[in-house]
Amino acid sequence: MSAFKLRPFVPAGADFGLAQRFFEALGFEKRYGDESLAVYRIGDQEFFLQNFHDQAFQENYMLELAVDDLDAWWARIDELQRSGDYPMRAKAPQAYPWGKRELHLIDPAGVCWHLSAPV
């Protein structure tokens, strides 16, 4: 018997091309893409980026990613933020009492990201 596993999807917002360029600039590997859907992979995590725009949904959607090197991610995100090519809001990683360091950002589509690593 085979298992059926759904991949999570991420809404791309009003500009599907911008969302794709953003993920690729962060180092995600594009595995498939057409005008309405792209599949991205980083490490062993894979998800659908869908050409979907609903601001209320996007603002309540959260992308969670566990990473090994949060500082390396911050360096890439900070560089992209400073370039001005990708409208986003991001803050440097912080340590939290629950034993993790987290980096939070709002990407160009309005999706909230939580990247975390153990302290």
PDB file of N, CA and C in Angstrom:
ATOM      1  N   MET A   1       0.852  -1.187   0.000  1.00  0.00           N
ATOM      2  CA  MET A   1       0.000   0.000   0.000  1.00  0.00           C
ATOM      3  C   MET A   1       0.884   1.232   0.000  1.00  0.00           C
ATOM      4  N   SER A   2       0.590   2.175  -0.861  1.00  0.00           N
ATOM      5  CA  SER A   2       1.392   3.393  -0.916  1.00  0.00           C
ATOM      6  C   SER A   2       0.715   4.506  -0.128  1.00  0.00           C
ATOM      7  N   ALA A   3       1.531   5.406   0.372  1.00  0.00           N
ATOM      8  CA  ALA A   3       1.018   6.537   1.156  1.00  0.00           C
ATOM      9  C   ALA A   3       0.799   7.728   0.234  1.00  0.00           C
ATOM     10  N   PHE A   4      -0.217   8.471   0.519  1.00  0.00           N
ATOM     11  CA  PHE A   4      -0.515   9.682  -0.237  1.00  0.00           C
ATOM     12  C   PHE A   4      -0.154  10.873   0.641  1.00  0.00           C
ATOM     13  N   LYS A   5       0.715  11.724   0.148  1.00  0.00           N
ATOM     14  CA  LYS A   5       1.167  12.866   0.939  1.00  0.00           C
ATOM     15  C   LYS A   5       0.908  14.151   0.164  1.00  0.00           C
ATOM     16  N   LEU A   6       0.191  15.071   0.767  1.00  0.00           N
ATOM     17  CA  LEU A   6      -0.049  16.365   0.136  1.00  0.00           C
ATOM     18  C   LEU A   6       1.112  17.303   0.422  1.00  0.00           C
ATOM     19  N   ARG A   7       1.531  18.029  -0.573  1.00  0.00           N
ATOM     20  CA  ARG A   7       2.538  19.060  -0.365  1.00  0.00           C
ATOM     21  C   ARG A   7       1.821  20.345   0.036  1.00  0.00           C
ATOM     22  N   PRO A   8       2.428  21.127   0.913  1.00  0.00           N
ATOM     23  CA  PRO A   8       1.801  22.411   1.252  1.00  0.00           C
ATOM     24  C   PRO A   8       1.863  23.361   0.056  1.00  0.00           C
ATOM     25  N   PHE A   9       0.931  24.283  -0.009  1.00  0.00           N
ATOM     26  CA  PHE A   9       1.001  25.280  -1.058  1.00  0.00           C
ATOM     27  C   PHE A   9       1.146  26.661  -0.437  1.00  0.00           C
ATOM     28  N   VAL A  10       1.796  27.533  -1.186  1.00  0.00           N
ATOM     29  CA  VAL A  10       2.039  28.903  -0.758  1.00  0.00           C
ATOM     30  C   VAL A  10       1.416  29.820  -1.798  1.00  0.00           C
ATOM     31  N   PRO A  11       0.581  30.773  -1.399  1.00  0.00           N
ATOM     32  CA  PRO A  11      -0.009  31.697  -2.365  1.00  0.00           C
ATOM     33  C   PRO A  11       1.038  32.699  -2.855  1.00  0.00           C
ATOM     34  N   ALA A  12       1.075  32.935  -4.164  1.00  0.00           N
ATOM     35  CA  ALA A  12       2.077  33.805  -4.761  1.00  0.00           C
ATOM     36  C   ALA A  12       1.700  35.278  -4.720  1.00  0.00           C
ATOM     37  N   GLY A  13       0.454  35.587  -4.459  1.00  0.00           N
ATOM     38  CA  GLY A  13       0.041  36.979  -4.425  1.00  0.00           C
ATOM     39  C   GLY A  13      -0.265  37.523  -5.804  1.00  0.00           C
ATOM     40  N   ALA A  14      -0.250  38.839  -5.921  1.00  0.00           N
ATOM     41  CA  ALA A  14      -0.656  39.491  -7.156  1.00  0.00           C
ATOM     42  C   ALA A  14       0.370  39.370  -8.275  1.00  0.00           C
ATOM     43  N   ASP A  15       1.623  39.057  -7.958  1.00  0.00           N
ATOM     44  CA  ASP A  15       2.676  38.983  -8.976  1.00  0.00           C
ATOM     45  C   ASP A  15       3.388  37.630  -8.881  1.00  0.00           C
ATOM     46  N   PHE A  16       2.909  36.671  -9.662  1.00  0.00           N
ATOM     47  CA  PHE A  16       3.446  35.313  -9.646  1.00  0.00           C
ATOM     48  C   PHE A  16       4.927  35.294 -10.035  1.00  0.00           C
ATOM     49  N   GLY A  17       5.302  36.090 -11.017  1.00  0.00           N
ATOM     50  CA  GLY A  17       6.705  36.159 -11.436  1.00  0.00           C
ATOM     51  C   GLY A  17       7.610  36.667 -10.331  1.00  0.00           C
ATOM     52  N   LEU A  18       7.181  37.693  -9.621  1.00  0.00           N
ATOM     53  CA  LEU A  18       7.960  38.242  -8.513  1.00  0.00           C
ATOM     54  C   LEU A  18       8.126  37.198  -7.410  1.00  0.00           C
ATOM     55  N   ALA A  19       7.045  36.488  -7.105  1.00  0.00           N
ATOM     56  CA  ALA A  19       7.119  35.453  -6.067  1.00  0.00           C
ATOM     57  C   ALA A  19       8.123  34.373  -6.463  1.00  0.00           C
ATOM     58  N   GLN A  20       8.128  33.968  -7.725  1.00  0.00           N
ATOM     59  CA  GLN A  20       9.072  32.951  -8.191  1.00  0.00           C
ATOM     60  C   GLN A  20      10.512  33.454  -8.090  1.00  0.00           C
ATOM     61  N   ARG A  21      10.737  34.681  -8.524  1.00  0.00           N
ATOM     62  CA  ARG A  21      12.095  35.242  -8.454  1.00  0.00           C
ATOM     63  C   ARG A  21      12.571  35.339  -7.004  1.00  0.00           C
ATOM     64  N   PHE A  22      11.654  35.680  -6.092  1.00  0.00           N
ATOM     65  CA  PHE A  22      11.993  35.781  -4.676  1.00  0.00           C
ATOM     66  C   PHE A  22      12.452  34.428  -4.130  1.00  0.00           C
ATOM     67  N   PHE A  23      11.682  33.372  -4.389  1.00  0.00           N
ATOM     68  CA  PHE A  23      12.064  32.046  -3.901  1.00  0.00           C
ATOM     69  C   PHE A  23      13.388  31.590  -4.504  1.00  0.00           C
ATOM     70  N   GLU A  24      13.587  31.862  -5.776  1.00  0.00           N
ATOM     71  CA  GLU A  24      14.840  31.457  -6.427  1.00  0.00           C
ATOM     72  C   GLU A  24      16.020  32.257  -5.885  1.00  0.00           C
ATOM     73  N   ALA A  25      15.809  33.539  -5.583  1.00  0.00           N
ATOM     74  CA  ALA A  25      16.885  34.362  -5.011  1.00  0.00           C
ATOM     75  C   ALA A  25      17.273  33.874  -3.621  1.00  0.00           C
ATOM     76  N   LEU A  26      16.322  33.250  -2.914  1.00  0.00           N
ATOM     77  CA  LEU A  26      16.617  32.697  -1.592  1.00  0.00           C
ATOM     78  C   LEU A  26      17.311  31.338  -1.671  1.00  0.00           C
ATOM     79  N   GLY A  27      17.384  30.757  -2.870  1.00  0.00           N
ATOM     80  CA  GLY A  27      18.088  29.484  -3.026  1.00  0.00           C
ATOM     81  C   GLY A  27      17.195  28.269  -3.156  1.00  0.00           C
ATOM     82  N   PHE A  28      15.894  28.461  -3.291  1.00  0.00           N
ATOM     83  CA  PHE A  28      14.999  27.334  -3.522  1.00  0.00           C
ATOM     84  C   PHE A  28      15.197  26.824  -4.950  1.00  0.00           C
ATOM     85  N   GLU A  29      15.126  25.532  -5.127  1.00  0.00           N
ATOM     86  CA  GLU A  29      15.273  24.921  -6.447  1.00  0.00           C
ATOM     87  C   GLU A  29      13.889  24.765  -7.078  1.00  0.00           C
ATOM     88  N   LYS A  30      13.739  25.294  -8.287  1.00  0.00           N
ATOM     89  CA  LYS A  30      12.470  25.146  -9.005  1.00  0.00           C
ATOM     90  C   LYS A  30      12.471  23.786  -9.690  1.00  0.00           C
ATOM     91  N   ARG A  31      11.499  22.949  -9.333  1.00  0.00           N
ATOM     92  CA  ARG A  31      11.414  21.598  -9.884  1.00  0.00           C
ATOM     93  C   ARG A  31      10.434  21.524 -11.047  1.00  0.00           C
ATOM     94  N   TYR A  32       9.481  22.440 -11.094  1.00  0.00           N
ATOM     95  CA  TYR A  32       8.459  22.458 -12.132  1.00  0.00           C
ATOM     96  C   TYR A  32       7.847  23.840 -12.144  1.00  0.00           C
ATOM     97  N   GLY A  33       7.386  24.271 -13.310  1.00  0.00           N
ATOM     98  CA  GLY A  33       6.682  25.535 -13.359  1.00  0.00           C
ATOM     99  C   GLY A  33       5.899  25.729 -14.638  1.00  0.00           C
ATOM    100  N   ASP A  34       4.724  26.295 -14.511  1.00  0.00           N
ATOM    101  CA  ASP A  34       3.950  26.765 -15.652  1.00  0.00           C
ATOM    102  C   ASP A  34       3.326  28.100 -15.258  1.00  0.00           C
ATOM    103  N   GLU A  35       2.295  28.557 -15.960  1.00  0.00           N
ATOM    104  CA  GLU A  35       1.750  29.888 -15.692  1.00  0.00           C
ATOM    105  C   GLU A  35       0.918  29.973 -14.413  1.00  0.00           C
ATOM    106  N   SER A  36       0.598  28.833 -13.801  1.00  0.00           N
ATOM    107  CA  SER A  36      -0.241  28.902 -12.609  1.00  0.00           C
ATOM    108  C   SER A  36       0.312  28.165 -11.396  1.00  0.00           C
ATOM    109  N   LEU A  37       1.390  27.391 -11.593  1.00  0.00           N
ATOM    110  CA  LEU A  37       1.891  26.575 -10.506  1.00  0.00           C
ATOM    111  C   LEU A  37       3.389  26.347 -10.663  1.00  0.00           C
ATOM    112  N   ALA A  38       4.098  26.374  -9.561  1.00  0.00           N
ATOM    113  CA  ALA A  38       5.518  26.022  -9.555  1.00  0.00           C
ATOM    114  C   ALA A  38       5.772  25.138  -8.343  1.00  0.00           C
ATOM    115  N   VAL A  39       6.702  24.224  -8.481  1.00  0.00           N
ATOM    116  CA  VAL A  39       7.080  23.361  -7.372  1.00  0.00           C
ATOM    117  C   VAL A  39       8.504  23.727  -6.972  1.00  0.00           C
ATOM    118  N   TYR A  40       8.697  24.055  -5.711  1.00  0.00           N
ATOM    119  CA  TYR A  40      10.011  24.445  -5.189  1.00  0.00           C
ATOM    120  C   TYR A  40      10.458  23.466  -4.121  1.00  0.00           C
ATOM    121  N   ARG A  41      11.765  23.317  -4.033  1.00  0.00           N
ATOM    122  CA  ARG A  41      12.355  22.392  -3.069  1.00  0.00           C
ATOM    123  C   ARG A  41      13.567  23.044  -2.431  1.00  0.00           C
ATOM    124  N   ILE A  42      13.711  22.806  -1.144  1.00  0.00           N
ATOM    125  CA  ILE A  42      14.935  23.166  -0.443  1.00  0.00           C
ATOM    126  C   ILE A  42      15.187  22.052   0.563  1.00  0.00           C
ATOM    127  N   GLY A  43      16.341  21.452   0.486  1.00  0.00           N
ATOM    128  CA  GLY A  43      16.625  20.298   1.334  1.00  0.00           C
ATOM    129  C   GLY A  43      15.630  19.197   1.033  1.00  0.00           C
ATOM    130  N   ASP A  44      14.982  18.686   2.064  1.00  0.00           N
ATOM    131  CA  ASP A  44      13.989  17.637   1.853  1.00  0.00           C
ATOM    132  C   ASP A  44      12.559  18.181   1.912  1.00  0.00           C
ATOM    133  N   GLN A  45      12.421  19.504   1.877  1.00  0.00           N
ATOM    134  CA  GLN A  45      11.103  20.124   1.943  1.00  0.00           C
ATOM    135  C   GLN A  45      10.695  20.614   0.557  1.00  0.00           C
ATOM    136  N   GLU A  46       9.472  20.294   0.164  1.00  0.00           N
ATOM    137  CA  GLU A  46       8.978  20.660  -1.153  1.00  0.00           C
ATOM    138  C   GLU A  46       7.567  21.219  -1.001  1.00  0.00           C
ATOM    139  N   PHE A  47       7.222  22.216  -1.816  1.00  0.00           N
ATOM    140  CA  PHE A  47       5.894  22.815  -1.743  1.00  0.00           C
ATOM    141  C   PHE A  47       5.496  23.369  -3.097  1.00  0.00           C
ATOM    142  N   PHE A  48       4.197  23.618  -3.232  1.00  0.00           N
ATOM    143  CA  PHE A  48       3.645  24.251  -4.419  1.00  0.00           C
ATOM    144  C   PHE A  48       3.589  25.760  -4.194  1.00  0.00           C
ATOM    145  N   LEU A  49       4.025  26.523  -5.178  1.00  0.00           N
ATOM    146  CA  LEU A  49       3.786  27.966  -5.209  1.00  0.00           C
ATOM    147  C   LEU A  49       2.677  28.150  -6.232  1.00  0.00           C
ATOM    148  N   GLN A  50       1.537  28.632  -5.782  1.00  0.00           N
ATOM    149  CA  GLN A  50       0.374  28.717  -6.650  1.00  0.00           C
ATOM    150  C   GLN A  50       0.084  30.164  -7.020  1.00  0.00           C
ATOM    151  N   ASN A  51      -0.248  30.378  -8.276  1.00  0.00           N
ATOM    152  CA  ASN A  51      -0.626  31.697  -8.755  1.00  0.00           C
ATOM    153  C   ASN A  51      -2.017  32.001  -8.202  1.00  0.00           C
ATOM    154  N   PHE A  52      -2.032  32.473  -6.976  1.00  0.00           N
ATOM    155  CA  PHE A  52      -3.269  32.674  -6.229  1.00  0.00           C
ATOM    156  C   PHE A  52      -3.151  33.980  -5.473  1.00  0.00           C
ATOM    157  N   HIS A  53      -4.188  34.811  -5.570  1.00  0.00           N
ATOM    158  CA  HIS A  53      -4.162  36.097  -4.883  1.00  0.00           C
ATOM    159  C   HIS A  53      -5.468  36.309  -4.142  1.00  0.00           C
ATOM    160  N   ASP A  54      -5.380  36.315  -2.841  1.00  0.00           N
ATOM    161  CA  ASP A  54      -6.485  36.657  -1.953  1.00  0.00           C
ATOM    162  C   ASP A  54      -5.828  37.244  -0.714  1.00  0.00           C
ATOM    163  N   GLN A  55      -5.779  38.565  -0.645  1.00  0.00           N
ATOM    164  CA  GLN A  55      -5.013  39.239   0.397  1.00  0.00           C
ATOM    165  C   GLN A  55      -5.389  38.773   1.797  1.00  0.00           C
ATOM    166  N   ALA A  56      -6.667  38.594   2.059  1.00  0.00           N
ATOM    167  CA  ALA A  56      -7.084  38.165   3.402  1.00  0.00           C
ATOM    168  C   ALA A  56      -6.501  36.789   3.719  1.00  0.00           C
ATOM    169  N   PHE A  57      -6.487  35.893   2.729  1.00  0.00           N
ATOM    170  CA  PHE A  57      -5.926  34.561   2.955  1.00  0.00           C
ATOM    171  C   PHE A  57      -4.417  34.657   3.160  1.00  0.00           C
ATOM    172  N   GLN A  58      -3.734  35.396   2.287  1.00  0.00           N
ATOM    173  CA  GLN A  58      -2.280  35.505   2.365  1.00  0.00           C
ATOM    174  C   GLN A  58      -1.834  36.072   3.711  1.00  0.00           C
ATOM    175  N   GLU A  59      -2.547  37.060   4.201  1.00  0.00           N
ATOM    176  CA  GLU A  59      -2.160  37.681   5.460  1.00  0.00           C
ATOM    177  C   GLU A  59      -2.378  36.754   6.655  1.00  0.00           C
ATOM    178  N   ASN A  60      -3.134  35.682   6.471  1.00  0.00           N
ATOM    179  CA  ASN A  60      -3.371  34.723   7.543  1.00  0.00           C
ATOM    180  C   ASN A  60      -2.685  33.388   7.285  1.00  0.00           C
ATOM    181  N   TYR A  61      -1.813  33.345   6.291  1.00  0.00           N
ATOM    182  CA  TYR A  61      -1.090  32.127   5.947  1.00  0.00           C
ATOM    183  C   TYR A  61       0.320  32.219   6.526  1.00  0.00           C
ATOM    184  N   MET A  62       0.818  31.132   7.066  1.00  0.00           N
ATOM    185  CA  MET A  62       2.163  31.150   7.631  1.00  0.00           C
ATOM    186  C   MET A  62       2.988  30.023   7.021  1.00  0.00           C
ATOM    187  N   LEU A  63       4.190  30.360   6.589  1.00  0.00           N
ATOM    188  CA  LEU A  63       5.135  29.387   6.068  1.00  0.00           C
ATOM    189  C   LEU A  63       6.175  29.149   7.152  1.00  0.00           C
ATOM    190  N   GLU A  64       6.262  27.921   7.637  1.00  0.00           N
ATOM    191  CA  GLU A  64       7.226  27.582   8.677  1.00  0.00           C
ATOM    192  C   GLU A  64       8.334  26.735   8.074  1.00  0.00           C
ATOM    193  N   LEU A  65       9.572  27.099   8.387  1.00  0.00           N
ATOM    194  CA  LEU A  65      10.722  26.397   7.839  1.00  0.00           C
ATOM    195  C   LEU A  65      11.768  26.245   8.933  1.00  0.00           C
ATOM    196  N   ALA A  66      12.133  25.004   9.232  1.00  0.00           N
ATOM    197  CA  ALA A  66      13.203  24.729  10.196  1.00  0.00           C
ATOM    198  C   ALA A  66      14.515  24.695   9.423  1.00  0.00           C
ATOM    199  N   VAL A  67      15.495  25.458   9.872  1.00  0.00           N
ATOM    200  CA  VAL A  67      16.770  25.564   9.167  1.00  0.00           C
ATOM    201  C   VAL A  67      17.923  25.288  10.130  1.00  0.00           C
ATOM    202  N   ASP A  68      19.052  24.909   9.554  1.00  0.00           N
ATOM    203  CA  ASP A  68      20.237  24.651  10.373  1.00  0.00           C
ATOM    204  C   ASP A  68      20.995  25.927  10.702  1.00  0.00           C
ATOM    205  N   ASP A  69      21.121  26.817   9.724  1.00  0.00           N
ATOM    206  CA  ASP A  69      21.937  28.021   9.887  1.00  0.00           C
ATOM    207  C   ASP A  69      21.081  29.264   9.677  1.00  0.00           C
ATOM    208  N   LEU A  70      20.474  29.726  10.745  1.00  0.00           N
ATOM    209  CA  LEU A  70      19.583  30.884  10.671  1.00  0.00           C
ATOM    210  C   LEU A  70      20.336  32.148  10.265  1.00  0.00           C
ATOM    211  N   ASP A  71      21.589  32.276  10.671  1.00  0.00           N
ATOM    212  CA  ASP A  71      22.365  33.468  10.317  1.00  0.00           C
ATOM    213  C   ASP A  71      22.634  33.544   8.822  1.00  0.00           C
ATOM    214  N   ALA A  72      22.861  32.400   8.182  1.00  0.00           N
ATOM    215  CA  ALA A  72      23.062  32.389   6.730  1.00  0.00           C
ATOM    216  C   ALA A  72      21.782  32.809   6.008  1.00  0.00           C
ATOM    217  N   TRP A  73      20.631  32.324   6.499  1.00  0.00           N
ATOM    218  CA  TRP A  73      19.352  32.740   5.922  1.00  0.00           C
ATOM    219  C   TRP A  73      19.152  34.239   6.102  1.00  0.00           C
ATOM    220  N   TRP A  74      19.479  34.735   7.298  1.00  0.00           N
ATOM    221  CA  TRP A  74      19.311  36.166   7.552  1.00  0.00           C
ATOM    222  C   TRP A  74      20.192  36.983   6.610  1.00  0.00           C
ATOM    223  N   ALA A  75      21.404  36.541   6.371  1.00  0.00           N
ATOM    224  CA  ALA A  75      22.300  37.273   5.466  1.00  0.00           C
ATOM    225  C   ALA A  75      21.680  37.389   4.072  1.00  0.00           C
ATOM    226  N   ARG A  76      21.106  36.294   3.565  1.00  0.00           N
ATOM    227  CA  ARG A  76      20.465  36.334   2.236  1.00  0.00           C
ATOM    228  C   ARG A  76      19.240  37.234   2.238  1.00  0.00           C
ATOM    229  N   ILE A  77      18.402  37.073   3.270  1.00  0.00           N
ATOM    230  CA  ILE A  77      17.170  37.861   3.336  1.00  0.00           C
ATOM    231  C   ILE A  77      17.489  39.344   3.494  1.00  0.00           C
ATOM    232  N   ASP A  78      18.435  39.670   4.353  1.00  0.00           N
ATOM    233  CA  ASP A  78      18.818  41.061   4.562  1.00  0.00           C
ATOM    234  C   ASP A  78      19.368  41.678   3.273  1.00  0.00           C
ATOM    235  N   GLU A  79      20.172  40.915   2.545  1.00  0.00           N
ATOM    236  CA  GLU A  79      20.714  41.403   1.265  1.00  0.00           C
ATOM    237  C   GLU A  79      19.584  41.687   0.275  1.00  0.00           C
ATOM    238  N   LEU A  80      18.623  40.789   0.173  1.00  0.00           N
ATOM    239  CA  LEU A  80      17.490  40.991  -0.739  1.00  0.00           C
ATOM    240  C   LEU A  80      16.635  42.172  -0.293  1.00  0.00           C
ATOM    241  N   GLN A  81      16.454  42.308   1.015  1.00  0.00           N
ATOM    242  CA  GLN A  81      15.667  43.421   1.542  1.00  0.00           C
ATOM    243  C   GLN A  81      16.344  44.757   1.222  1.00  0.00           C
ATOM    244  N   ARG A  82      17.656  44.811   1.389  1.00  0.00           N
ATOM    245  CA  ARG A  82      18.397  46.044   1.117  1.00  0.00           C
ATOM    246  C   ARG A  82      18.435  46.390  -0.367  1.00  0.00           C
ATOM    247  N   SER A  83      18.355  45.370  -1.238  1.00  0.00           N
ATOM    248  CA  SER A  83      18.403  45.619  -2.678  1.00  0.00           C
ATOM    249  C   SER A  83      17.189  46.407  -3.153  1.00  0.00           C
ATOM    250  N   GLY A  84      16.070  46.278  -2.442  1.00  0.00           N
ATOM    251  CA  GLY A  84      14.851  46.969  -2.839  1.00  0.00           C
ATOM    252  C   GLY A  84      14.106  46.265  -3.964  1.00  0.00           C
ATOM    253  N   ASP A  85      14.622  45.134  -4.445  1.00  0.00           N
ATOM    254  CA  ASP A  85      13.979  44.409  -5.537  1.00  0.00           C
ATOM    255  C   ASP A  85      12.762  43.617  -5.082  1.00  0.00           C
ATOM    256  N   TYR A  86      12.698  43.331  -3.799  1.00  0.00           N
ATOM    257  CA  TYR A  86      11.626  42.497  -3.259  1.00  0.00           C
ATOM    258  C   TYR A  86      10.985  43.218  -2.073  1.00  0.00           C
ATOM    259  N   PRO A  87       9.771  43.725  -2.249  1.00  0.00           N
ATOM    260  CA  PRO A  87       9.117  44.406  -1.125  1.00  0.00           C
ATOM    261  C   PRO A  87       8.800  43.407  -0.020  1.00  0.00           C
ATOM    262  N   MET A  88       9.436  43.589   1.121  1.00  0.00           N
ATOM    263  CA  MET A  88       9.218  42.689   2.253  1.00  0.00           C
ATOM    264  C   MET A  88       9.548  43.418   3.540  1.00  0.00           C
ATOM    265  N   ARG A  89       9.134  42.811   4.639  1.00  0.00           N
ATOM    266  CA  ARG A  89       9.508  43.308   5.957  1.00  0.00           C
ATOM    267  C   ARG A  89      10.153  42.146   6.689  1.00  0.00           C
ATOM    268  N   ALA A  90      11.337  42.376   7.215  1.00  0.00           N
ATOM    269  CA  ALA A  90      12.044  41.309   7.935  1.00  0.00           C
ATOM    270  C   ALA A  90      12.833  41.906   9.091  1.00  0.00           C
ATOM    271  N   LYS A  91      12.956  41.113  10.140  1.00  0.00           N
ATOM    272  CA  LYS A  91      13.747  41.511  11.308  1.00  0.00           C
ATOM    273  C   LYS A  91      14.796  40.445  11.572  1.00  0.00           C
ATOM    274  N   ALA A  92      15.917  40.860  12.087  1.00  0.00           N
ATOM    275  CA  ALA A  92      17.012  39.937  12.398  1.00  0.00           C
ATOM    276  C   ALA A  92      16.542  38.856  13.367  1.00  0.00           C
ATOM    277  N   PRO A  93      17.198  37.695  13.335  1.00  0.00           N
ATOM    278  CA  PRO A  93      16.820  36.599  14.237  1.00  0.00           C
ATOM    279  C   PRO A  93      16.897  37.010  15.704  1.00  0.00           C
ATOM    280  N   GLN A  94      15.978  36.449  16.486  1.00  0.00           N
ATOM    281  CA  GLN A  94      15.952  36.698  17.920  1.00  0.00           C
ATOM    282  C   GLN A  94      15.818  35.361  18.641  1.00  0.00           C
ATOM    283  N   ALA A  95      16.366  35.295  19.852  1.00  0.00           N
ATOM    284  CA  ALA A  95      16.216  34.107  20.692  1.00  0.00           C
ATOM    285  C   ALA A  95      14.923  34.251  21.499  1.00  0.00           C
ATOM    286  N   TYR A  96      14.203  33.158  21.621  1.00  0.00           N
ATOM    287  CA  TYR A  96      12.946  33.160  22.361  1.00  0.00           C
ATOM    288  C   TYR A  96      13.029  32.182  23.528  1.00  0.00           C
ATOM    289  N   PRO A  97      12.213  32.396  24.561  1.00  0.00           N
ATOM    290  CA  PRO A  97      12.287  31.552  25.756  1.00  0.00           C
ATOM    291  C   PRO A  97      11.957  30.079  25.502  1.00  0.00           C
ATOM    292  N   TRP A  98      11.330  29.765  24.399  1.00  0.00           N
ATOM    293  CA  TRP A  98      10.974  28.368  24.135  1.00  0.00           C
ATOM    294  C   TRP A  98      12.115  27.581  23.488  1.00  0.00           C
ATOM    295  N   GLY A  99      13.343  28.140  23.533  1.00  0.00           N
ATOM    296  CA  GLY A  99      14.524  27.393  23.115  1.00  0.00           C
ATOM    297  C   GLY A  99      14.840  27.434  21.638  1.00  0.00           C
ATOM    298  N   LYS A 100      14.305  28.412  20.946  1.00  0.00           N
ATOM    299  CA  LYS A 100      14.588  28.542  19.520  1.00  0.00           C
ATOM    300  C   LYS A 100      14.947  29.976  19.191  1.00  0.00           C
ATOM    301  N   ARG A 101      15.743  30.102  18.140  1.00  0.00           N
ATOM    302  CA  ARG A 101      15.947  31.414  17.522  1.00  0.00           C
ATOM    303  C   ARG A 101      15.039  31.441  16.311  1.00  0.00           C
ATOM    304  N   GLU A 102      14.385  32.561  16.090  1.00  0.00           N
ATOM    305  CA  GLU A 102      13.462  32.677  14.961  1.00  0.00           C
ATOM    306  C   GLU A 102      13.701  33.964  14.201  1.00  0.00           C
ATOM    307  N   LEU A 103      13.440  33.882  12.932  1.00  0.00           N
ATOM    308  CA  LEU A 103      13.489  35.014  12.028  1.00  0.00           C
ATOM    309  C   LEU A 103      12.093  35.112  11.431  1.00  0.00           C
ATOM    310  N   HIS A 104      11.507  36.280  11.494  1.00  0.00           N
ATOM    311  CA  HIS A 104      10.164  36.483  10.952  1.00  0.00           C
ATOM    312  C   HIS A 104      10.236  37.474   9.802  1.00  0.00           C
ATOM    313  N   LEU A 105       9.484  37.180   8.746  1.00  0.00           N
ATOM    314  CA  LEU A 105       9.410  38.132   7.637  1.00  0.00           C
ATOM    315  C   LEU A 105       8.053  38.044   6.973  1.00  0.00           C
ATOM    316  N   ILE A 106       7.686  39.118   6.315  1.00  0.00           N
ATOM    317  CA  ILE A 106       6.510  39.166   5.457  1.00  0.00           C
ATOM    318  C   ILE A 106       7.058  39.265   4.037  1.00  0.00           C
ATOM    319  N   ASP A 107       6.774  38.262   3.210  1.00  0.00           N
ATOM    320  CA  ASP A 107       7.360  38.217   1.863  1.00  0.00           C
ATOM    321  C   ASP A 107       6.609  39.134   0.899  1.00  0.00           C
ATOM    322  N   PRO A 108       7.053  39.237  -0.356  1.00  0.00           N
ATOM    323  CA  PRO A 108       6.403  40.141  -1.306  1.00  0.00           C
ATOM    324  C   PRO A 108       4.918  39.864  -1.544  1.00  0.00           C
ATOM    325  N   ALA A 109       4.462  38.635  -1.291  1.00  0.00           N
ATOM    326  CA  ALA A 109       3.045  38.302  -1.464  1.00  0.00           C
ATOM    327  C   ALA A 109       2.216  38.595  -0.216  1.00  0.00           C
ATOM    328  N   GLY A 110       2.877  38.958   0.889  1.00  0.00           N
ATOM    329  CA  GLY A 110       2.169  39.209   2.134  1.00  0.00           C
ATOM    330  C   GLY A 110       2.093  37.996   3.038  1.00  0.00           C
ATOM    331  N   VAL A 111       2.805  36.921   2.681  1.00  0.00           N
ATOM    332  CA  VAL A 111       2.816  35.700   3.482  1.00  0.00           C
ATOM    333  C   VAL A 111       3.823  35.852   4.616  1.00  0.00           C
ATOM    334  N   CYS A 112       3.415  35.450   5.813  1.00  0.00           N
ATOM    335  CA  CYS A 112       4.280  35.503   6.990  1.00  0.00           C
ATOM    336  C   CYS A 112       5.153  34.249   7.036  1.00  0.00           C
ATOM    337  N   TRP A 113       6.445  34.436   7.226  1.00  0.00           N
ATOM    338  CA  TRP A 113       7.397  33.329   7.349  1.00  0.00           C
ATOM    339  C   TRP A 113       7.908  33.273   8.777  1.00  0.00           C
ATOM    340  N   HIS A 114       8.079  32.064   9.286  1.00  0.00           N
ATOM    341  CA  HIS A 114       8.752  31.822  10.553  1.00  0.00           C
ATOM    342  C   HIS A 114       9.859  30.828  10.243  1.00  0.00           C
ATOM    343  N   LEU A 115      11.092  31.277  10.271  1.00  0.00           N
ATOM    344  CA  LEU A 115      12.238  30.403  10.114  1.00  0.00           C
ATOM    345  C   LEU A 115      12.821  30.208  11.497  1.00  0.00           C
ATOM    346  N   SER A 116      13.092  28.966  11.848  1.00  0.00           N
ATOM    347  CA  SER A 116      13.575  28.713  13.205  1.00  0.00           C
ATOM    348  C   SER A 116      14.733  27.731  13.208  1.00  0.00           C
ATOM    349  N   ALA A 117      15.552  27.867  14.248  1.00  0.00           N
ATOM    350  CA  ALA A 117      16.682  26.970  14.481  1.00  0.00           C
ATOM    351  C   ALA A 117      16.840  26.818  15.986  1.00  0.00           C
ATOM    352  N   PRO A 118      17.308  25.652  16.441  1.00  0.00           N
ATOM    353  CA  PRO A 118      17.536  25.498  17.883  1.00  0.00           C
ATOM    354  C   PRO A 118      18.600  26.470  18.361  1.00  0.00           C
ATOM    355  N   VAL A 119      18.497  26.880  19.623  1.00  0.00           N
ATOM    356  CA  VAL A 119      19.483  27.809  20.204  1.00  0.00           C
ATOM    357  C   VAL A 119      20.790  27.075  20.413  1.00  0.00           C
TER     358      VAL A 119
END
